[in-house]
């Protein structure tokens, strides 16, 4: 693949892209922020959007409302992989809404604290868990930091 300009959401995604494909021109912490950046900064008004089957509407709707032609390529499908946990944990870490769905197929939310990587995952968790902690940044490191801070109180 030979891309002239690559834009993405998330630092981990940026690292993977730069390791395997090429230099990332801009990275944002959310699809909404990336879409707004693109609207304000694109010279060409056409983009190819690589996504999964469970992607949110933020980026496509913002781009389309602003006259950017969107060529979407669904390049992966999310599969749930539920596993029954025999032990009760004080805290559970979630990195996507589908992770919560997968967990709940075989387990109950009980009194565990749900530590979430971002607002979308946090909103999903709030439907099932009484205590939800959303990390300050959408990174694995920030989720781990929120766990440490919570249990050091």
Foldseek 3Di string as FASTA:
>chain_A
DADPEAEEEDPVVQVVCCVPPRHHPYYHPDLLVRLVCCLVDPPAQEDEAEAAPPDDCRNVVSSVVSRRHYHYDHDYYDDQDADADPDDDQEDEDEALSPVVSPVVRDAQPAHEYQYLDDRNQVSVVVGYVHYHYFPGNDPVRSVVRVVVVVVD
